[in-house]
C-alpha atoms as a PDB file:
ATOM      1  CA  MET A   1       9.424   9.304 -27.915  1.00  0.00           C
ATOM      2  CA  SER A   2       6.046   9.918 -27.837  1.00  0.00           C
ATOM      3  CA  ALA A   3       5.419   7.998 -31.100  1.00  0.00           C
ATOM      4  CA  ILE A   4       7.277   4.969 -29.355  1.00  0.00           C
ATOM      5  CA  LEU A   5       5.594   5.029 -26.438  1.00  0.00           C
ATOM      6  CA  ARG A   6       2.303   5.295 -28.271  1.00  0.00           C
ATOM      7  CA  ALA A   7       2.841   2.111 -30.279  1.00  0.00           C
ATOM      8  CA  ALA A   8       4.226   0.477 -27.350  1.00  0.00           C
ATOM      9  CA  HIS A   9       0.763   1.317 -25.955  1.00  0.00           C
ATOM     10  CA  ARG A  10      -1.035  -0.351 -28.893  1.00  0.00           C
ATOM     11  CA  ARG A  11       0.950  -3.231 -28.673  1.00  0.00           C
ATOM     12  CA  LEU A  12       0.535  -3.970 -24.504  1.00  0.00           C
ATOM     13  CA  ALA A  13      -3.192  -3.828 -25.428  1.00  0.00           C
ATOM     14  CA  ASP A  14      -2.597  -6.593 -28.629  1.00  0.00           C
ATOM     15  CA  ASP A  15       0.099  -8.511 -26.741  1.00  0.00           C
ATOM     16  CA  GLY A  16       0.586  -8.277 -23.301  1.00  0.00           C
ATOM     17  CA  ALA A  17       3.784  -6.895 -21.469  1.00  0.00           C
ATOM     18  CA  ALA A  18       5.756 -10.433 -21.873  1.00  0.00           C
ATOM     19  CA  ALA A  19       5.447 -10.209 -25.756  1.00  0.00           C
ATOM     20  CA  LEU A  20       6.356  -6.763 -26.081  1.00  0.00           C
ATOM     21  CA  SER A  21       9.388  -6.431 -28.162  1.00  0.00           C
ATOM     22  CA  LEU A  22      11.056  -3.183 -29.786  1.00  0.00           C
ATOM     23  CA  ARG A  23      11.351  -5.092 -33.173  1.00  0.00           C
ATOM     24  CA  ALA A  24       7.437  -4.777 -33.485  1.00  0.00           C
ATOM     25  CA  VAL A  25       7.303  -1.405 -32.209  1.00  0.00           C
ATOM     26  CA  ALA A  26       9.868  -0.405 -35.001  1.00  0.00           C
ATOM     27  CA  ARG A  27       7.492  -2.368 -37.558  1.00  0.00           C
ATOM     28  CA  ASP A  28       4.451  -0.644 -36.405  1.00  0.00           C
ATOM     29  CA  LEU A  29       6.155   2.705 -36.689  1.00  0.00           C
ATOM     30  CA  GLY A  30       7.744   1.510 -40.116  1.00  0.00           C
ATOM     31  CA  MET A  31      11.315   1.787 -38.840  1.00  0.00           C
ATOM     32  CA  VAL A  32      14.061  -0.724 -39.050  1.00  0.00           C
ATOM     33  CA  SER A  33      14.742  -2.142 -35.847  1.00  0.00           C
ATOM     34  CA  SER A  34      18.197  -1.350 -35.642  1.00  0.00           C
ATOM     35  CA  ALA A  35      16.810   2.727 -35.560  1.00  0.00           C
ATOM     36  CA  MET A  36      15.165   1.948 -32.570  1.00  0.00           C
ATOM     37  CA  TYR A  37      17.786   1.541 -30.473  1.00  0.00           C
ATOM     38  CA  ARG A  38      18.695   5.352 -30.781  1.00  0.00           C
ATOM     39  CA  TYR A  39      15.712   5.957 -28.646  1.00  0.00           C
ATOM     40  CA  VAL A  40      15.405   2.878 -26.171  1.00  0.00           C
ATOM     41  CA  PRO A  41      18.381   0.703 -25.519  1.00  0.00           C
ATOM     42  CA  SER A  42      16.558  -2.236 -24.924  1.00  0.00           C
ATOM     43  CA  ARG A  43      13.152  -3.897 -24.161  1.00  0.00           C
ATOM     44  CA  ASP A  44      13.893  -3.609 -20.431  1.00  0.00           C
ATOM     45  CA  ALA A  45      14.392   0.158 -20.828  1.00  0.00           C
ATOM     46  CA  LEU A  46      10.998   0.258 -22.635  1.00  0.00           C
ATOM     47  CA  LEU A  47       9.328  -1.477 -19.835  1.00  0.00           C
ATOM     48  CA  THR A  48      10.484   0.855 -17.625  1.00  0.00           C
ATOM     49  CA  LEU A  49       9.178   3.684 -19.477  1.00  0.00           C
ATOM     50  CA  LEU A  50       5.665   2.411 -19.961  1.00  0.00           C
ATOM     51  CA  ILE A  51       5.869   1.600 -16.197  1.00  0.00           C
ATOM     52  CA  VAL A  52       7.169   5.304 -14.784  1.00  0.00           C
ATOM     53  CA  GLU A  53       4.429   6.888 -17.395  1.00  0.00           C
ATOM     54  CA  ALA A  54       1.763   4.337 -15.788  1.00  0.00           C
ATOM     55  CA  TYR A  55       2.617   5.339 -12.189  1.00  0.00           C
ATOM     56  CA  GLU A  56       2.823   8.838 -13.128  1.00  0.00           C
ATOM     57  CA  SER A  57      -0.745   8.834 -14.658  1.00  0.00           C
ATOM     58  CA  LEU A  58      -1.807   7.228 -11.448  1.00  0.00           C
ATOM     59  CA  GLY A  59      -0.143   9.410  -9.049  1.00  0.00           C
ATOM     60  CA  ASP A  60      -1.405  12.736 -11.055  1.00  0.00           C
ATOM     61  CA  ALA A  61      -5.121  11.795 -11.138  1.00  0.00           C
ATOM     62  CA  VAL A  62      -5.027  10.524  -7.435  1.00  0.00           C
ATOM     63  CA  GLU A  63      -3.156  13.731  -5.865  1.00  0.00           C
ATOM     64  CA  ARG A  64      -5.429  15.736  -8.088  1.00  0.00           C
ATOM     65  CA  ALA A  65      -8.248  14.065  -6.662  1.00  0.00           C
ATOM     66  CA  GLU A  66      -7.136  14.219  -3.237  1.00  0.00           C
ATOM     67  CA  GLY A  67      -5.548  17.680  -3.131  1.00  0.00           C
ATOM     68  CA  SER A  68      -9.283  18.860  -4.036  1.00  0.00           C
ATOM     69  CA  ILE A  69     -11.002  17.723  -0.275  1.00  0.00           C
ATOM     70  CA  GLU A  70     -10.233  19.919   2.933  1.00  0.00           C
ATOM     71  CA  ARG A  71      -7.386  18.505   5.125  1.00  0.00           C
ATOM     72  CA  ASN A  72      -9.336  17.556   8.320  1.00  0.00           C
ATOM     73  CA  ASP A  73     -11.740  15.832   5.910  1.00  0.00           C
ATOM     74  CA  LEU A  74      -9.802  12.650   6.680  1.00  0.00           C
ATOM     75  CA  PRO A  75     -12.844   9.859   5.568  1.00  0.00           C
ATOM     76  CA  GLY A  76     -13.021  12.576   2.490  1.00  0.00           C
ATOM     77  CA  ARG A  77      -9.511  12.221   1.318  1.00  0.00           C
ATOM     78  CA  PHE A  78      -9.252   8.634   2.018  1.00  0.00           C
ATOM     79  CA  ALA A  79     -12.665   7.827   0.071  1.00  0.00           C
ATOM     80  CA  THR A  80     -11.550  10.155  -2.393  1.00  0.00           C
ATOM     81  CA  ILE A  81      -7.954   8.435  -3.149  1.00  0.00           C
ATOM     82  CA  CYS A  82      -9.721   5.357  -3.107  1.00  0.00           C
ATOM     83  CA  ARG A  83     -12.195   6.277  -5.566  1.00  0.00           C
ATOM     84  CA  ALA A  84      -9.273   7.690  -7.998  1.00  0.00           C
ATOM     85  CA  VAL A  85      -7.370   4.876  -7.932  1.00  0.00           C
ATOM     86  CA  ARG A  86     -10.658   2.714  -9.240  1.00  0.00           C
ATOM     87  CA  SER A  87     -11.503   5.263 -11.533  1.00  0.00           C
ATOM     88  CA  TRP A  88      -8.250   5.608 -13.122  1.00  0.00           C
ATOM     89  CA  ALA A  89      -7.900   1.785 -13.165  1.00  0.00           C
ATOM     90  CA  LEU A  90     -10.827   1.181 -14.922  1.00  0.00           C
ATOM     91  CA  ALA A  91     -10.127   3.959 -17.903  1.00  0.00           C
ATOM     92  CA  HIS A  92      -6.833   2.653 -18.245  1.00  0.00           C
ATOM     93  CA  PRO A  93      -6.528  -1.402 -17.747  1.00  0.00           C
ATOM     94  CA  ASN A  94      -3.199  -1.812 -19.828  1.00  0.00           C
ATOM     95  CA  GLN A  95      -1.479   0.408 -17.780  1.00  0.00           C
ATOM     96  CA  TYR A  96      -2.966  -0.877 -14.393  1.00  0.00           C
ATOM     97  CA  ALA A  97      -1.908  -4.552 -15.704  1.00  0.00           C
ATOM     98  CA  LEU A  98       1.270  -3.592 -16.665  1.00  0.00           C
ATOM     99  CA  VAL A  99       2.097  -2.360 -13.099  1.00  0.00           C
ATOM    100  CA  TYR A 100      -0.067  -4.356 -10.614  1.00  0.00           C
ATOM    101  CA  GLY A 101      -0.896  -7.355 -12.832  1.00  0.00           C
ATOM    102  CA  SER A 102       1.461 -10.281 -13.336  1.00  0.00           C
ATOM    103  CA  PRO A 103       5.264  -9.660 -13.647  1.00  0.00           C
ATOM    104  CA  VAL A 104       6.838  -9.817 -16.750  1.00  0.00           C
ATOM    105  CA  PRO A 105       9.309 -12.528 -17.578  1.00  0.00           C
ATOM    106  CA  GLY A 106      13.154 -12.031 -17.064  1.00  0.00           C
ATOM    107  CA  TYR A 107      12.183  -8.075 -16.107  1.00  0.00           C
ATOM    108  CA  ALA A 108      13.104  -6.457 -12.798  1.00  0.00           C
ATOM    109  CA  ALA A 109      11.903  -3.291 -12.223  1.00  0.00           C
ATOM    110  CA  PRO A 110      14.777  -0.524 -11.537  1.00  0.00           C
ATOM    111  CA  ASP A 111      15.108   1.994  -8.917  1.00  0.00           C
ATOM    112  CA  ASP A 112      13.738   4.428 -11.229  1.00  0.00           C
ATOM    113  CA  THR A 113      10.470   2.923 -10.719  1.00  0.00           C
ATOM    114  CA  ILE A 114      10.397   3.527  -6.775  1.00  0.00           C
ATOM    115  CA  GLY A 115       9.558   6.930  -6.682  1.00  0.00           C
ATOM    116  CA  PRO A 116       6.551   7.376  -8.930  1.00  0.00           C
ATOM    117  CA  ALA A 117       5.318   3.717  -7.563  1.00  0.00           C
ATOM    118  CA  SER A 118       5.210   5.124  -3.928  1.00  0.00           C
ATOM    119  CA  ARG A 119       2.729   8.384  -4.757  1.00  0.00           C
ATOM    120  CA  VAL A 120      -0.473   6.631  -4.064  1.00  0.00           C
ATOM    121  CA  PRO A 121       0.909   5.007  -0.809  1.00  0.00           C
ATOM    122  CA  ALA A 122       2.216   8.104   0.198  1.00  0.00           C
ATOM    123  CA  LEU A 123      -0.827   9.769   0.198  1.00  0.00           C
ATOM    124  CA  LEU A 124      -2.535   6.628   1.921  1.00  0.00           C
ATOM    125  CA  LEU A 125       0.340   6.994   4.712  1.00  0.00           C
ATOM    126  CA  ALA A 126      -0.504  10.786   4.990  1.00  0.00           C
ATOM    127  CA  VAL A 127      -4.054  10.571   5.539  1.00  0.00           C
ATOM    128  CA  LEU A 128      -3.539   7.571   8.266  1.00  0.00           C
ATOM    129  CA  ARG A 129      -0.646   9.737  10.089  1.00  0.00           C
ATOM    130  CA  ASP A 130      -3.018  12.626  10.116  1.00  0.00           C
ATOM    131  CA  ALA A 131      -6.005  10.132  11.407  1.00  0.00           C
ATOM    132  CA  GLN A 132      -3.724   8.969  14.365  1.00  0.00           C
ATOM    133  CA  LEU A 133      -2.688  12.200  15.332  1.00  0.00           C
ATOM    134  CA  ALA A 134      -6.123  13.413  15.886  1.00  0.00           C
ATOM    135  CA  GLU A 135      -6.784  10.322  17.436  1.00  0.00           C
ATOM    136  CA  SER A 136      -4.572  10.178  20.163  1.00  0.00           C
ATOM    137  CA  GLY A 137      -1.580  12.681  19.662  1.00  0.00           C
ATOM    138  CA  THR A 138       1.100  10.148  19.825  1.00  0.00           C
ATOM    139  CA  LEU A 139       2.545   7.116  17.472  1.00  0.00           C
ATOM    140  CA  SER A 140       2.733   4.169  18.974  1.00  0.00           C
ATOM    141  CA  GLU A 141       5.305   1.570  18.537  1.00  0.00           C
ATOM    142  CA  SER A 142       4.856  -2.538  17.944  1.00  0.00           C
ATOM    143  CA  ASP A 143       6.433  -4.608  20.801  1.00  0.00           C
ATOM    144  CA  ASP A 144       6.703  -7.354  18.052  1.00  0.00           C
ATOM    145  CA  SER A 145      10.024  -7.714  16.890  1.00  0.00           C
ATOM    146  CA  ALA A 146       8.883 -10.127  14.094  1.00  0.00           C
ATOM    147  CA  VAL A 147       6.536  -7.072  12.820  1.00  0.00           C
ATOM    148  CA  ARG A 148       9.391  -4.839  12.985  1.00  0.00           C
ATOM    149  CA  ALA A 149      11.501  -7.386  10.944  1.00  0.00           C
ATOM    150  CA  ALA A 150       8.897  -7.464   8.545  1.00  0.00           C
ATOM    151  CA  LEU A 151       8.625  -3.939   8.153  1.00  0.00           C
ATOM    152  CA  ALA A 152      12.203  -3.866   7.586  1.00  0.00           C
ATOM    153  CA  PRO A 153      12.242  -2.953   3.848  1.00  0.00           C
ATOM    154  CA  LEU A 154      10.087   0.037   4.165  1.00  0.00           C
ATOM    155  CA  ARG A 155      12.559   1.218   6.894  1.00  0.00           C
ATOM    156  CA  GLY A 156      15.025   1.138   4.731  1.00  0.00           C
ATOM    157  CA  GLY A 157      14.287   3.230   1.685  1.00  0.00           C
ATOM    158  CA  ASP A 158      13.039   6.795   1.550  1.00  0.00           C
ATOM    159  CA  ALA A 159      10.590   6.597  -0.955  1.00  0.00           C
ATOM    160  CA  LEU A 160       7.856   6.949   1.674  1.00  0.00           C
ATOM    161  CA  SER A 161       9.799   8.924   4.459  1.00  0.00           C
ATOM    162  CA  THR A 162       9.103   6.478   7.054  1.00  0.00           C
ATOM    163  CA  HIS A 163      11.336   7.596   9.425  1.00  0.00           C
ATOM    164  CA  ASP A 164       8.838   8.971  11.733  1.00  0.00           C
ATOM    165  CA  VAL A 165       6.282   6.409  11.084  1.00  0.00           C
ATOM    166  CA  SER A 166       5.559   4.588  13.831  1.00  0.00           C
ATOM    167  CA  ASP A 167       5.232   0.471  13.264  1.00  0.00           C
ATOM    168  CA  ASP A 168       1.467   0.666  13.677  1.00  0.00           C
ATOM    169  CA  LEU A 169       0.750   3.162  11.467  1.00  0.00           C
ATOM    170  CA  LEU A 170       2.640   1.336   8.954  1.00  0.00           C
ATOM    171  CA  LEU A 171       0.621  -1.681   8.864  1.00  0.00           C
ATOM    172  CA  ARG A 172      -2.627   0.268   8.960  1.00  0.00           C
ATOM    173  CA  GLY A 173      -1.016   1.441   5.698  1.00  0.00           C
ATOM    174  CA  LEU A 174      -0.321  -1.527   4.384  1.00  0.00           C
ATOM    175  CA  SER A 175      -3.629  -3.298   5.265  1.00  0.00           C
ATOM    176  CA  ALA A 176      -5.465   0.039   3.308  1.00  0.00           C
ATOM    177  CA  TRP A 177      -3.181  -0.422   0.670  1.00  0.00           C
ATOM    178  CA  THR A 178      -3.692  -3.687   0.300  1.00  0.00           C
ATOM    179  CA  GLU A 179      -7.203  -3.898   0.434  1.00  0.00           C
ATOM    180  CA  LEU A 180      -7.720  -0.937  -1.648  1.00  0.00           C
ATOM    181  CA  PHE A 181      -5.200  -2.362  -4.911  1.00  0.00           C
ATOM    182  CA  GLY A 182      -7.140  -6.025  -3.993  1.00  0.00           C
ATOM    183  CA  VAL A 183     -10.555  -5.179  -4.805  1.00  0.00           C
ATOM    184  CA  VAL A 184      -9.558  -2.691  -8.035  1.00  0.00           C
ATOM    185  CA  SER A 185      -7.299  -5.777  -9.226  1.00  0.00           C
ATOM    186  CA  PHE A 186     -10.467  -8.181  -8.879  1.00  0.00           C
ATOM    187  CA  GLU A 187     -12.494  -5.757 -10.686  1.00  0.00           C
ATOM    188  CA  VAL A 188     -10.417  -4.596 -13.185  1.00  0.00           C
ATOM    189  CA  PHE A 189      -9.204  -8.432 -14.136  1.00  0.00           C
ATOM    190  CA  GLY A 190     -12.603 -10.086 -14.026  1.00  0.00           C
ATOM    191  CA  GLN A 191     -12.843 -11.673 -10.557  1.00  0.00           C
ATOM    192  CA  PHE A 192     -15.922 -10.694  -9.564  1.00  0.00           C
ATOM    193  CA  THR A 193     -17.602 -11.991 -12.492  1.00  0.00           C
ATOM    194  CA  ASN A 194     -20.595 -14.662 -11.122  1.00  0.00           C
ATOM    195  CA  VAL A 195     -19.829 -13.293  -7.624  1.00  0.00           C
ATOM    196  CA  ILE A 196     -21.206  -9.099  -7.812  1.00  0.00           C
ATOM    197  CA  ALA A 197     -23.445  -8.081  -9.990  1.00  0.00           C
ATOM    198  CA  GLY A 198     -21.893  -6.976 -13.508  1.00  0.00           C
ATOM    199  CA  SER A 199     -23.663  -3.309 -13.722  1.00  0.00           C
ATOM    200  CA  LYS A 200     -21.592   0.014 -12.886  1.00  0.00           C
ATOM    201  CA  ARG A 201     -23.876   0.703 -10.121  1.00  0.00           C
ATOM    202  CA  ALA A 202     -23.743  -2.655  -8.578  1.00  0.00           C
ATOM    203  CA  ARG A 203     -20.011  -2.837  -8.476  1.00  0.00           C
ATOM    204  CA  THR A 204     -19.818   1.133  -7.409  1.00  0.00           C
ATOM    205  CA  ALA A 205     -21.993   0.102  -4.428  1.00  0.00           C
ATOM    206  CA  PHE A 206     -19.772  -2.892  -3.740  1.00  0.00           C
ATOM    207  CA  PHE A 207     -16.580  -0.935  -3.868  1.00  0.00           C
ATOM    208  CA  GLU A 208     -17.713   1.599  -1.800  1.00  0.00           C
ATOM    209  CA  HIS A 209     -18.945  -0.578   0.806  1.00  0.00           C
ATOM    210  CA  GLN A 210     -15.453  -2.286   0.878  1.00  0.00           C
ATOM    211  CA  MET A 211     -13.595   0.952   1.134  1.00  0.00           C
ATOM    212  CA  ARG A 212     -15.761   2.225   4.340  1.00  0.00           C
ATOM    213  CA  ASP A 213     -15.185  -1.153   5.828  1.00  0.00           C
ATOM    214  CA  ALA A 214     -11.230  -0.833   5.142  1.00  0.00           C
ATOM    215  CA  ALA A 215     -11.415   3.029   6.839  1.00  0.00           C
ATOM    216  CA  ALA A 216     -13.226   1.788   9.766  1.00  0.00           C
ATOM    217  CA  ARG A 217     -10.301  -1.205   9.995  1.00  0.00           C
ATOM    218  CA  VAL A 218      -7.404   1.454  10.237  1.00  0.00           C
ATOM    219  CA  ARG A 219      -9.266   3.650  11.893  1.00  0.00           C
ATOM    220  CA  ILE A 220     -10.234   6.693   9.530  1.00  0.00           C
ATOM    221  CA  THR A 221     -13.257   8.472  10.792  1.00  0.00           C
END
């Protein structure tokens, strides 16, 4: 299976996720395409394996980095999560594009991907929960019924364990998550060309500035 995944990674790099096929992977491995079905039943199953692998790799990297920071250093934990996401994305652009780029036409991610995909958001939410408890000792609820309705999908699942999380905290988490991955995606996909200077130092300085702003907005101080 590891050889199949390695060949699939090469195909992702060369052709993109939308063009991934079992036939092409089999050809690269010197196998007949029918033999592939003994290991992977469909292209979608292969995509799911690759997606889960990418999320787990990212989650491992971020959890390892965040775990090295003192628990009461909330700004340090937040900054470390952000830096680890960016570092992983820049080191693995094809895997990042698979999970955070354009959806693959005709593919619907199964529930198997939810847990792995939730690892980084769960870390962000944990830091925010600790920050809010340190700030006030209480978790406030929103009076806005439209906001509560908007958060319903998060309340309906258990991947993030949101049963004891306030609306305000979830909104902060969504803000931090979307800003982090928005900035990282702009960098990985080249949207900063002719906008932010292209040197490593300049891109890092801009990223650090944005993440400090994000931390302040979600009240991690």
